[in-house]
Amino acid sequence: MSTVTIAIAIAGLLFGPYIGLLTYRNYKLQREIETTETTPTHNVRPGTTVEVQGEAATAADSIDTLRPTSEDAVCCVWRVDTWDETGDTSTWDPSAIGVVAVPFTIADEYGEQEIAIGEHHHDLGSTGLSLQAIRGFAKTVTTVQDMVQSEFVSDEVVVDLREWDEVLEVDPEEEPPETVAAFIEQTRAVGETSGSITNVVDIGRKHGRRRYRQAVLAAGDEVYALGATDSNGTLRPGAGDQLIVGRGAEDDLLGTITARVRRGTAVSAVAVLAGLVAAYVAI
C-alpha cells in the first residue's frame, strides 16, 4: 500500500468537498446579485439592503498602496505569498491577504452613495500538514485559485477587484522598495521574511522570496456594491447583510463569478474522483 496513494486519497476527499463549498459560496453570491434590483442613489434609505453601481468618486483621503499606481486610490486588495522549498515541494506559500479602503462615494446619475469598507485581513499561514503530498496539493489548489482572482472574503465583506494590477517579487536578502517596507511595518498580518542557507547555491527563486500583489480601485473606476446601510445611510460591513463590492459593472462581476462557479465545479469533481480512485486502489 503506497503512502503517496493514501495521501492522494485523503487530499482528494478533503479538498474536493472544500473546493465544492467555495464554489457553492460563489453560486450563492451569483444568485444574490442576479436577484437584487439596482437602487438609484437618491432612493437609498438608512437600515435597508440596497444594490448601487456607478463611478467611485474621489474621497477626502487616498490610501498608500504597495506600488503607487494612482493618486486617487480608494480601495486596495493585497496578497503576500512566500516561496517555500520545504521538503519535496517548491511553491508559493500563501502568507496573508487583505483589503484596505478609505470612505468614498459611488456616483450615479441621481447622486452619490457613501461607502466605508474599512481594513480587513487574514493571516493565511502554513497548511501545517505533515504529509508532503497533501501539503503540496493544498498549496497548489490555493495558488491556482488565486492566480485567476483578486478577491478578499470574510463573513462581513467581499471585495472582488477581478484581477491583479501589480505584482512585485523581492528576495529575502533584498531591501524592499520604500512603499513595500512601509506596508510591512503597518500591516500586522505580514511579518519579515528570512531565507535559507541553501540560497547561496540556489538557482532561480530563493527560499523566502516574497511576492506582493495588489488590485486597486481608483476614483473614476466603475464600481458595484450590494449590502446594508447603517443608521446614517452609509454602506458598511456589519450594518446587516454581507457587503459585496466589485470593480466594474454588475454584468462584469457576474461574468467573473459565473466563470469561477464553472471552474470550481470541475476542479471539485476531479479532486473527489481522484480521491475515490486512490482510495479504491489503496484498499
C-alpha atoms as a PDB file:
ATOM      1  CA  MET A   1       0.000   0.000   0.000  1.00  0.00           C
ATOM      2  CA  SER A   2       1.662   3.205  -1.207  1.00  0.00           C
ATOM      3  CA  THR A   3       1.895   6.212   1.120  1.00  0.00           C
ATOM      4  CA  VAL A   4       1.528   8.506  -1.913  1.00  0.00           C
ATOM      5  CA  THR A   5      -1.712   6.749  -2.914  1.00  0.00           C
ATOM      6  CA  ILE A   6      -3.117   7.183   0.595  1.00  0.00           C
ATOM      7  CA  ALA A   7      -2.054  10.845   0.600  1.00  0.00           C
ATOM      8  CA  ILE A   8      -3.786  11.448  -2.754  1.00  0.00           C
ATOM      9  CA  ALA A   9      -6.939   9.744  -1.460  1.00  0.00           C
ATOM     10  CA  ILE A  10      -7.005  11.886   1.683  1.00  0.00           C
ATOM     11  CA  ALA A  11      -6.176  15.073  -0.247  1.00  0.00           C
ATOM     12  CA  GLY A  12      -8.820  14.479  -2.904  1.00  0.00           C
ATOM     13  CA  LEU A  13     -11.552  13.588  -0.418  1.00  0.00           C
ATOM     14  CA  LEU A  14     -10.687  16.550   1.814  1.00  0.00           C
ATOM     15  CA  PHE A  15     -10.040  19.305  -0.676  1.00  0.00           C
ATOM     16  CA  GLY A  16     -12.610  18.260  -3.285  1.00  0.00           C
ATOM     17  CA  PRO A  17     -15.520  18.986  -0.933  1.00  0.00           C
ATOM     18  CA  TYR A  18     -13.690  22.083   0.349  1.00  0.00           C
ATOM     19  CA  ILE A  19     -13.468  23.495  -3.178  1.00  0.00           C
ATOM     20  CA  GLY A  20     -17.101  22.499  -3.609  1.00  0.00           C
ATOM     21  CA  LEU A  21     -18.036  24.616  -0.578  1.00  0.00           C
ATOM     22  CA  LEU A  22     -16.129  27.588  -2.002  1.00  0.00           C
ATOM     23  CA  THR A  23     -17.909  27.068  -5.309  1.00  0.00           C
ATOM     24  CA  TYR A  24     -21.281  26.973  -3.556  1.00  0.00           C
ATOM     25  CA  ARG A  25     -20.427  30.267  -1.843  1.00  0.00           C
ATOM     26  CA  ASN A  26     -19.738  31.798  -5.237  1.00  0.00           C
ATOM     27  CA  TYR A  27     -23.002  30.348  -6.570  1.00  0.00           C
ATOM     28  CA  LYS A  28     -24.966  31.929  -3.703  1.00  0.00           C
ATOM     29  CA  LEU A  29     -23.184  35.231  -4.381  1.00  0.00           C
ATOM     30  CA  GLN A  30     -24.065  34.959  -8.069  1.00  0.00           C
ATOM     31  CA  ARG A  31     -27.752  34.340  -7.289  1.00  0.00           C
ATOM     32  CA  GLU A  32     -27.876  37.209  -4.784  1.00  0.00           C
ATOM     33  CA  ILE A  33     -26.505  39.677  -7.331  1.00  0.00           C
ATOM     34  CA  GLU A  34     -28.781  38.373 -10.090  1.00  0.00           C
ATOM     35  CA  THR A  35     -31.967  38.658  -8.000  1.00  0.00           C
ATOM     36  CA  THR A  36     -31.378  42.121  -6.470  1.00  0.00           C
ATOM     37  CA  GLU A  37     -32.625  45.216  -8.303  1.00  0.00           C
ATOM     38  CA  THR A  38     -30.399  48.288  -8.568  1.00  0.00           C
ATOM     39  CA  THR A  39     -31.448  51.201  -6.354  1.00  0.00           C
ATOM     40  CA  PRO A  40     -30.891  54.774  -7.573  1.00  0.00           C
ATOM     41  CA  THR A  41     -28.720  56.570  -5.005  1.00  0.00           C
ATOM     42  CA  HIS A  42     -31.396  59.169  -4.193  1.00  0.00           C
ATOM     43  CA  ASN A  43     -33.732  56.332  -3.088  1.00  0.00           C
ATOM     44  CA  VAL A  44     -31.276  54.753  -0.621  1.00  0.00           C
ATOM     45  CA  ARG A  45     -32.554  54.830   2.958  1.00  0.00           C
ATOM     46  CA  PRO A  46     -30.833  54.054   6.307  1.00  0.00           C
ATOM     47  CA  GLY A  47     -31.168  50.488   7.560  1.00  0.00           C
ATOM     48  CA  THR A  48     -32.031  48.930   4.207  1.00  0.00           C
ATOM     49  CA  THR A  49     -30.348  46.468   1.828  1.00  0.00           C
ATOM     50  CA  VAL A  50     -29.525  48.089  -1.492  1.00  0.00           C
ATOM     51  CA  GLU A  51     -27.628  47.497  -4.729  1.00  0.00           C
ATOM     52  CA  VAL A  52     -25.902  50.547  -6.233  1.00  0.00           C
ATOM     53  CA  GLN A  53     -23.499  50.998  -9.109  1.00  0.00           C
ATOM     54  CA  GLY A  54     -21.710  53.920 -10.665  1.00  0.00           C
ATOM     55  CA  GLU A  55     -18.298  55.577 -10.520  1.00  0.00           C
ATOM     56  CA  ALA A  56     -16.056  55.676  -7.478  1.00  0.00           C
ATOM     57  CA  ALA A  57     -15.813  59.330  -6.552  1.00  0.00           C
ATOM     58  CA  THR A  58     -12.716  60.962  -5.101  1.00  0.00           C
ATOM     59  CA  ALA A  59     -12.517  60.544  -1.328  1.00  0.00           C
ATOM     60  CA  ALA A  60     -11.206  63.084   1.158  1.00  0.00           C
ATOM     61  CA  ASP A  61      -8.095  60.902   1.502  1.00  0.00           C
ATOM     62  CA  SER A  62      -6.393  58.304  -0.640  1.00  0.00           C
ATOM     63  CA  ILE A  63      -4.631  55.146   0.517  1.00  0.00           C
ATOM     64  CA  ASP A  64      -0.971  54.246   0.257  1.00  0.00           C
ATOM     65  CA  THR A  65      -0.707  51.146  -1.947  1.00  0.00           C
ATOM     66  CA  LEU A  66       2.169  48.683  -2.284  1.00  0.00           C
ATOM     67  CA  ARG A  67       3.193  50.360  -5.507  1.00  0.00           C
ATOM     68  CA  PRO A  68       1.774  53.807  -6.309  1.00  0.00           C
ATOM     69  CA  THR A  69      -0.494  53.170  -9.317  1.00  0.00           C
ATOM     70  CA  SER A  70      -2.888  56.056  -8.770  1.00  0.00           C
ATOM     71  CA  GLU A  71      -3.032  59.211  -6.661  1.00  0.00           C
ATOM     72  CA  ASP A  72      -6.775  58.626  -6.280  1.00  0.00           C
ATOM     73  CA  ALA A  73      -6.748  55.050  -4.949  1.00  0.00           C
ATOM     74  CA  VAL A  74      -9.700  54.497  -2.610  1.00  0.00           C
ATOM     75  CA  CYS A  75      -9.531  50.705  -2.141  1.00  0.00           C
ATOM     76  CA  CYS A  76      -6.805  48.087  -2.482  1.00  0.00           C
ATOM     77  CA  VAL A  77      -6.940  44.284  -2.226  1.00  0.00           C
ATOM     78  CA  TRP A  78      -3.459  42.920  -1.478  1.00  0.00           C
ATOM     79  CA  ARG A  79      -1.879  39.496  -1.162  1.00  0.00           C
ATOM     80  CA  VAL A  80       1.518  38.295   0.039  1.00  0.00           C
ATOM     81  CA  ASP A  81       2.989  34.866  -0.802  1.00  0.00           C
ATOM     82  CA  THR A  82       6.323  33.376   0.262  1.00  0.00           C
ATOM     83  CA  TRP A  83       8.385  30.986  -1.869  1.00  0.00           C
ATOM     84  CA  ASP A  84       8.766  27.765   0.118  1.00  0.00           C
ATOM     85  CA  GLU A  85      11.208  24.953  -0.681  1.00  0.00           C
ATOM     86  CA  THR A  86      10.396  22.847   2.377  1.00  0.00           C
ATOM     87  CA  GLY A  87      10.598  19.095   1.834  1.00  0.00           C
ATOM     88  CA  ASP A  88       9.901  17.848  -1.682  1.00  0.00           C
ATOM     89  CA  THR A  89       7.701  20.763  -2.733  1.00  0.00           C
ATOM     90  CA  SER A  90       8.677  24.153  -4.132  1.00  0.00           C
ATOM     91  CA  THR A  91       5.788  26.536  -4.454  1.00  0.00           C
ATOM     92  CA  TRP A  92       4.317  29.843  -3.380  1.00  0.00           C
ATOM     93  CA  ASP A  93       3.021  29.537   0.172  1.00  0.00           C
ATOM     94  CA  PRO A  94       0.125  31.952   0.854  1.00  0.00           C
ATOM     95  CA  SER A  95       1.025  34.215   3.782  1.00  0.00           C
ATOM     96  CA  ALA A  96      -1.654  36.883   4.093  1.00  0.00           C
ATOM     97  CA  ILE A  97      -4.403  38.628   2.162  1.00  0.00           C
ATOM     98  CA  GLY A  98      -6.339  41.765   2.982  1.00  0.00           C
ATOM     99  CA  VAL A  99      -8.203  44.850   1.880  1.00  0.00           C
ATOM    100  CA  VAL A 100      -7.781  48.458   2.895  1.00  0.00           C
ATOM    101  CA  ALA A 101     -10.036  51.335   1.887  1.00  0.00           C
ATOM    102  CA  VAL A 102     -10.887  54.903   2.796  1.00  0.00           C
ATOM    103  CA  PRO A 103     -14.521  56.041   2.870  1.00  0.00           C
ATOM    104  CA  PHE A 104     -15.590  57.091  -0.626  1.00  0.00           C
ATOM    105  CA  THR A 105     -18.767  57.585  -2.613  1.00  0.00           C
ATOM    106  CA  ILE A 106     -20.390  55.816  -5.561  1.00  0.00           C
ATOM    107  CA  ALA A 107     -21.853  58.329  -8.009  1.00  0.00           C
ATOM    108  CA  ASP A 108     -24.677  57.577 -10.441  1.00  0.00           C
ATOM    109  CA  GLU A 109     -26.865  59.933 -12.484  1.00  0.00           C
ATOM    110  CA  TYR A 110     -29.017  60.673  -9.416  1.00  0.00           C
ATOM    111  CA  GLY A 111     -26.418  61.475  -6.769  1.00  0.00           C
ATOM    112  CA  GLU A 112     -23.800  59.833  -4.548  1.00  0.00           C
ATOM    113  CA  GLN A 113     -23.845  56.962  -2.052  1.00  0.00           C
ATOM    114  CA  GLU A 114     -21.318  56.815   0.794  1.00  0.00           C
ATOM    115  CA  ILE A 115     -19.486  53.529   1.384  1.00  0.00           C
ATOM    116  CA  ALA A 116     -16.988  52.637   4.115  1.00  0.00           C
ATOM    117  CA  ILE A 117     -15.285  49.250   3.590  1.00  0.00           C
ATOM    118  CA  GLY A 118     -12.571  49.704   6.221  1.00  0.00           C
ATOM    119  CA  GLU A 119      -9.496  47.495   6.707  1.00  0.00           C
ATOM    120  CA  HIS A 120      -9.563  43.697   6.990  1.00  0.00           C
ATOM    121  CA  HIS A 121      -7.025  40.893   6.600  1.00  0.00           C
ATOM    122  CA  HIS A 122      -6.456  37.153   7.009  1.00  0.00           C
ATOM    123  CA  ASP A 123      -3.182  35.640   8.177  1.00  0.00           C
ATOM    124  CA  LEU A 124      -3.144  32.530   5.976  1.00  0.00           C
ATOM    125  CA  GLY A 125      -0.037  30.981   7.481  1.00  0.00           C
ATOM    126  CA  SER A 126       1.024  27.430   6.705  1.00  0.00           C
ATOM    127  CA  THR A 127      -1.207  24.474   5.979  1.00  0.00           C
ATOM    128  CA  GLY A 128       0.519  22.667   8.832  1.00  0.00           C
ATOM    129  CA  LEU A 129       0.038  19.220   7.282  1.00  0.00           C
ATOM    130  CA  SER A 130       2.806  16.693   7.729  1.00  0.00           C
ATOM    131  CA  LEU A 131       2.342  14.651   4.568  1.00  0.00           C
ATOM    132  CA  GLN A 132       4.175  16.397   1.759  1.00  0.00           C
ATOM    133  CA  ALA A 133       1.749  15.210  -0.912  1.00  0.00           C
ATOM    134  CA  ILE A 134      -1.234  16.673   0.947  1.00  0.00           C
ATOM    135  CA  ARG A 135       0.648  19.849   1.795  1.00  0.00           C
ATOM    136  CA  GLY A 136       1.710  20.325  -1.798  1.00  0.00           C
ATOM    137  CA  PHE A 137      -1.806  19.627  -3.048  1.00  0.00           C
ATOM    138  CA  ALA A 138      -3.274  22.200  -0.672  1.00  0.00           C
ATOM    139  CA  LYS A 139      -0.798  24.857  -1.743  1.00  0.00           C
ATOM    140  CA  THR A 140      -1.356  24.098  -5.412  1.00  0.00           C
ATOM    141  CA  VAL A 141      -5.125  24.453  -5.035  1.00  0.00           C
ATOM    142  CA  THR A 142      -4.718  27.775  -3.228  1.00  0.00           C
ATOM    143  CA  THR A 143      -2.196  29.071  -5.752  1.00  0.00           C
ATOM    144  CA  VAL A 144      -4.251  28.080  -8.798  1.00  0.00           C
ATOM    145  CA  GLN A 145      -7.386  29.680  -7.353  1.00  0.00           C
ATOM    146  CA  ASP A 146      -5.539  32.876  -6.520  1.00  0.00           C
ATOM    147  CA  MET A 147      -3.866  33.204  -9.929  1.00  0.00           C
ATOM    148  CA  VAL A 148      -7.234  33.945 -11.502  1.00  0.00           C
ATOM    149  CA  GLN A 149      -8.806  36.235  -8.921  1.00  0.00           C
ATOM    150  CA  SER A 150      -8.060  39.174  -6.656  1.00  0.00           C
ATOM    151  CA  GLU A 151     -10.716  38.837  -4.023  1.00  0.00           C
ATOM    152  CA  PHE A 152     -10.932  39.305  -0.269  1.00  0.00           C
ATOM    153  CA  VAL A 153     -13.668  37.361   1.529  1.00  0.00           C
ATOM    154  CA  SER A 154     -14.792  37.445   5.152  1.00  0.00           C
ATOM    155  CA  ASP A 155     -18.090  36.954   6.952  1.00  0.00           C
ATOM    156  CA  GLU A 156     -18.763  40.688   6.726  1.00  0.00           C
ATOM    157  CA  VAL A 157     -17.314  41.783   3.397  1.00  0.00           C
ATOM    158  CA  VAL A 158     -16.461  40.550  -0.097  1.00  0.00           C
ATOM    159  CA  VAL A 159     -14.250  42.811  -2.216  1.00  0.00           C
ATOM    160  CA  ASP A 160     -13.683  41.474  -5.729  1.00  0.00           C
ATOM    161  CA  LEU A 161     -11.456  43.584  -7.987  1.00  0.00           C
ATOM    162  CA  ARG A 162     -11.332  40.779 -10.595  1.00  0.00           C
ATOM    163  CA  GLU A 163      -7.614  40.825 -11.486  1.00  0.00           C
ATOM    164  CA  TRP A 164      -4.264  41.845 -10.044  1.00  0.00           C
ATOM    165  CA  ASP A 165      -2.900  45.192 -11.231  1.00  0.00           C
ATOM    166  CA  GLU A 166       0.603  44.948  -9.808  1.00  0.00           C
ATOM    167  CA  VAL A 167       2.978  42.098  -8.974  1.00  0.00           C
ATOM    168  CA  LEU A 168       6.332  42.599  -7.260  1.00  0.00           C
ATOM    169  CA  GLU A 169       8.830  39.959  -6.084  1.00  0.00           C
ATOM    170  CA  VAL A 170      11.565  40.620  -3.515  1.00  0.00           C
ATOM    171  CA  ASP A 171      14.361  38.226  -2.449  1.00  0.00           C
ATOM    172  CA  PRO A 172      14.834  37.729   1.319  1.00  0.00           C
ATOM    173  CA  GLU A 173      18.269  39.360   1.179  1.00  0.00           C
ATOM    174  CA  GLU A 174      16.981  42.377  -0.773  1.00  0.00           C
ATOM    175  CA  GLU A 175      15.849  45.670   0.685  1.00  0.00           C
ATOM    176  CA  PRO A 176      12.218  46.055  -0.365  1.00  0.00           C
ATOM    177  CA  PRO A 177      11.044  49.271  -2.034  1.00  0.00           C
ATOM    178  CA  GLU A 178      10.066  52.043   0.363  1.00  0.00           C
ATOM    179  CA  THR A 179       6.335  51.568  -0.202  1.00  0.00           C
ATOM    180  CA  VAL A 180       6.575  47.816   0.498  1.00  0.00           C
ATOM    181  CA  ALA A 181       8.712  48.402   3.615  1.00  0.00           C
ATOM    182  CA  ALA A 182       6.090  50.831   4.931  1.00  0.00           C
ATOM    183  CA  PHE A 183       3.345  48.313   4.140  1.00  0.00           C
ATOM    184  CA  ILE A 184       5.134  45.538   6.076  1.00  0.00           C
ATOM    185  CA  GLU A 185       5.627  47.854   9.056  1.00  0.00           C
ATOM    186  CA  GLN A 186       1.965  48.931   9.118  1.00  0.00           C
ATOM    187  CA  THR A 187       0.317  45.548   8.409  1.00  0.00           C
ATOM    188  CA  ARG A 188       0.219  43.191  11.389  1.00  0.00           C
ATOM    189  CA  ALA A 189      -0.572  40.142   9.228  1.00  0.00           C
ATOM    190  CA  VAL A 190       2.717  40.410   7.321  1.00  0.00           C
ATOM    191  CA  GLY A 191       5.995  39.834   9.133  1.00  0.00           C
ATOM    192  CA  GLU A 192       9.544  39.961   7.862  1.00  0.00           C
ATOM    193  CA  THR A 193      10.826  37.033   5.836  1.00  0.00           C
ATOM    194  CA  SER A 194      14.044  35.052   6.136  1.00  0.00           C
ATOM    195  CA  GLY A 195      15.951  32.958   3.629  1.00  0.00           C
ATOM    196  CA  SER A 196      17.791  29.661   3.888  1.00  0.00           C
ATOM    197  CA  ILE A 197      21.420  28.597   3.930  1.00  0.00           C
ATOM    198  CA  THR A 198      20.752  26.806   0.626  1.00  0.00           C
ATOM    199  CA  ASN A 199      20.016  30.167  -1.011  1.00  0.00           C
ATOM    200  CA  VAL A 200      23.769  30.602  -1.510  1.00  0.00           C
ATOM    201  CA  VAL A 201      23.707  27.880  -4.187  1.00  0.00           C
ATOM    202  CA  ASP A 202      20.077  28.270  -5.301  1.00  0.00           C
ATOM    203  CA  ILE A 203      19.419  28.819  -8.990  1.00  0.00           C
ATOM    204  CA  GLY A 204      16.139  30.585  -9.686  1.00  0.00           C
ATOM    205  CA  ARG A 205      13.785  31.651  -6.915  1.00  0.00           C
ATOM    206  CA  LYS A 206      15.250  31.615  -3.413  1.00  0.00           C
ATOM    207  CA  HIS A 207      13.528  30.180  -0.360  1.00  0.00           C
ATOM    208  CA  GLY A 208      11.787  33.037   1.460  1.00  0.00           C
ATOM    209  CA  ARG A 209      11.311  35.179  -1.655  1.00  0.00           C
ATOM    210  CA  ARG A 210       8.203  37.313  -1.276  1.00  0.00           C
ATOM    211  CA  ARG A 211       5.569  38.066  -3.900  1.00  0.00           C
ATOM    212  CA  TYR A 212       3.427  41.137  -3.291  1.00  0.00           C
ATOM    213  CA  ARG A 213       0.286  41.651  -5.325  1.00  0.00           C
ATOM    214  CA  GLN A 214      -2.369  44.317  -5.346  1.00  0.00           C
ATOM    215  CA  ALA A 215      -5.534  45.313  -7.164  1.00  0.00           C
ATOM    216  CA  VAL A 216      -6.596  48.929  -6.885  1.00  0.00           C
ATOM    217  CA  LEU A 217      -9.931  50.685  -7.156  1.00  0.00           C
ATOM    218  CA  ALA A 218      -9.399  54.351  -8.005  1.00  0.00           C
ATOM    219  CA  ALA A 219     -11.615  57.387  -8.356  1.00  0.00           C
ATOM    220  CA  GLY A 220     -13.318  57.267 -11.749  1.00  0.00           C
ATOM    221  CA  ASP A 221     -13.445  53.443 -11.880  1.00  0.00           C
ATOM    222  CA  GLU A 222     -16.816  51.791 -12.302  1.00  0.00           C
ATOM    223  CA  VAL A 223     -17.887  50.052  -9.097  1.00  0.00           C
ATOM    224  CA  TYR A 224     -20.725  47.817  -7.903  1.00  0.00           C
ATOM    225  CA  ALA A 225     -21.918  47.445  -4.296  1.00  0.00           C
ATOM    226  CA  LEU A 226     -24.591  45.347  -2.582  1.00  0.00           C
ATOM    227  CA  GLY A 227     -25.179  45.489   1.148  1.00  0.00           C
ATOM    228  CA  ALA A 228     -26.924  47.124   4.082  1.00  0.00           C
ATOM    229  CA  THR A 229     -26.793  50.772   5.105  1.00  0.00           C
ATOM    230  CA  ASP A 230     -26.257  51.872   8.701  1.00  0.00           C
ATOM    231  CA  SER A 231     -28.326  54.422  10.617  1.00  0.00           C
ATOM    232  CA  ASN A 232     -26.584  57.233   8.705  1.00  0.00           C
ATOM    233  CA  GLY A 233     -27.302  55.670   5.314  1.00  0.00           C
ATOM    234  CA  THR A 234     -23.692  54.569   4.716  1.00  0.00           C
ATOM    235  CA  LEU A 235     -22.925  51.175   3.174  1.00  0.00           C
ATOM    236  CA  ARG A 236     -20.553  49.376   5.514  1.00  0.00           C
ATOM    237  CA  PRO A 237     -19.618  45.883   6.764  1.00  0.00           C
ATOM    238  CA  GLY A 238     -21.523  44.827   9.846  1.00  0.00           C
ATOM    239  CA  ALA A 239     -24.561  47.019   9.107  1.00  0.00           C
ATOM    240  CA  GLY A 240     -26.599  43.898   8.334  1.00  0.00           C
ATOM    241  CA  ASP A 241     -26.005  41.745   5.295  1.00  0.00           C
ATOM    242  CA  GLN A 242     -22.557  40.898   3.932  1.00  0.00           C
ATOM    243  CA  LEU A 243     -21.187  43.868   1.983  1.00  0.00           C
ATOM    244  CA  ILE A 244     -20.251  42.948  -1.604  1.00  0.00           C
ATOM    245  CA  VAL A 245     -18.054  45.327  -3.611  1.00  0.00           C
ATOM    246  CA  GLY A 246     -16.795  44.720  -7.145  1.00  0.00           C
ATOM    247  CA  ARG A 247     -14.784  46.642  -9.695  1.00  0.00           C
ATOM    248  CA  GLY A 248     -16.745  47.106 -12.931  1.00  0.00           C
ATOM    249  CA  ALA A 249     -20.423  46.909 -13.807  1.00  0.00           C
ATOM    250  CA  GLU A 250     -22.782  44.252 -12.458  1.00  0.00           C
ATOM    251  CA  ASP A 251     -22.544  42.201 -15.667  1.00  0.00           C
ATOM    252  CA  ASP A 252     -18.734  42.234 -15.478  1.00  0.00           C
ATOM    253  CA  LEU A 253     -18.773  40.967 -11.901  1.00  0.00           C
ATOM    254  CA  LEU A 254     -21.390  38.317 -12.698  1.00  0.00           C
ATOM    255  CA  GLY A 255     -19.307  37.067 -15.625  1.00  0.00           C
ATOM    256  CA  THR A 256     -16.270  36.651 -13.375  1.00  0.00           C
ATOM    257  CA  ILE A 257     -18.217  34.861 -10.629  1.00  0.00           C
ATOM    258  CA  THR A 258     -20.005  32.568 -13.108  1.00  0.00           C
ATOM    259  CA  ALA A 259     -16.642  31.507 -14.573  1.00  0.00           C
ATOM    260  CA  ARG A 260     -15.412  30.694 -11.057  1.00  0.00           C
ATOM    261  CA  VAL A 261     -18.500  28.582 -10.362  1.00  0.00           C
ATOM    262  CA  ARG A 262     -17.919  26.532 -13.513  1.00  0.00           C
ATOM    263  CA  ARG A 263     -14.203  26.141 -12.854  1.00  0.00           C
ATOM    264  CA  GLY A 264     -14.728  25.289  -9.178  1.00  0.00           C
ATOM    265  CA  THR A 265     -17.355  22.663 -10.016  1.00  0.00           C
ATOM    266  CA  ALA A 266     -14.969  20.966 -12.441  1.00  0.00           C
ATOM    267  CA  VAL A 267     -11.973  21.080 -10.069  1.00  0.00           C
ATOM    268  CA  SER A 268     -14.055  19.791  -7.136  1.00  0.00           C
ATOM    269  CA  ALA A 269     -15.408  16.895  -9.185  1.00  0.00           C
ATOM    270  CA  VAL A 270     -11.940  15.911 -10.467  1.00  0.00           C
ATOM    271  CA  ALA A 271     -10.434  16.091  -6.951  1.00  0.00           C
ATOM    272  CA  VAL A 272     -13.165  13.921  -5.432  1.00  0.00           C
ATOM    273  CA  LEU A 273     -12.899  11.428  -8.297  1.00  0.00           C
ATOM    274  CA  ALA A 274      -9.116  11.231  -7.899  1.00  0.00           C
ATOM    275  CA  GLY A 275      -9.559  10.706  -4.166  1.00  0.00           C
ATOM    276  CA  LEU A 276     -12.100   7.910  -4.671  1.00  0.00           C
ATOM    277  CA  VAL A 277      -9.923   6.152  -7.250  1.00  0.00           C
ATOM    278  CA  ALA A 278      -6.871   6.419  -4.984  1.00  0.00           C
ATOM    279  CA  ALA A 279      -8.890   5.143  -2.007  1.00  0.00           C
ATOM    280  CA  TYR A 280     -10.110   2.169  -4.061  1.00  0.00           C
ATOM    281  CA  VAL A 281      -6.541   1.359  -5.149  1.00  0.00           C
ATOM    282  CA  ALA A 282      -5.279   1.701  -1.574  1.00  0.00           C
ATOM    283  CA  ILE A 283      -7.923  -0.702  -0.322  1.00  0.00           C
END
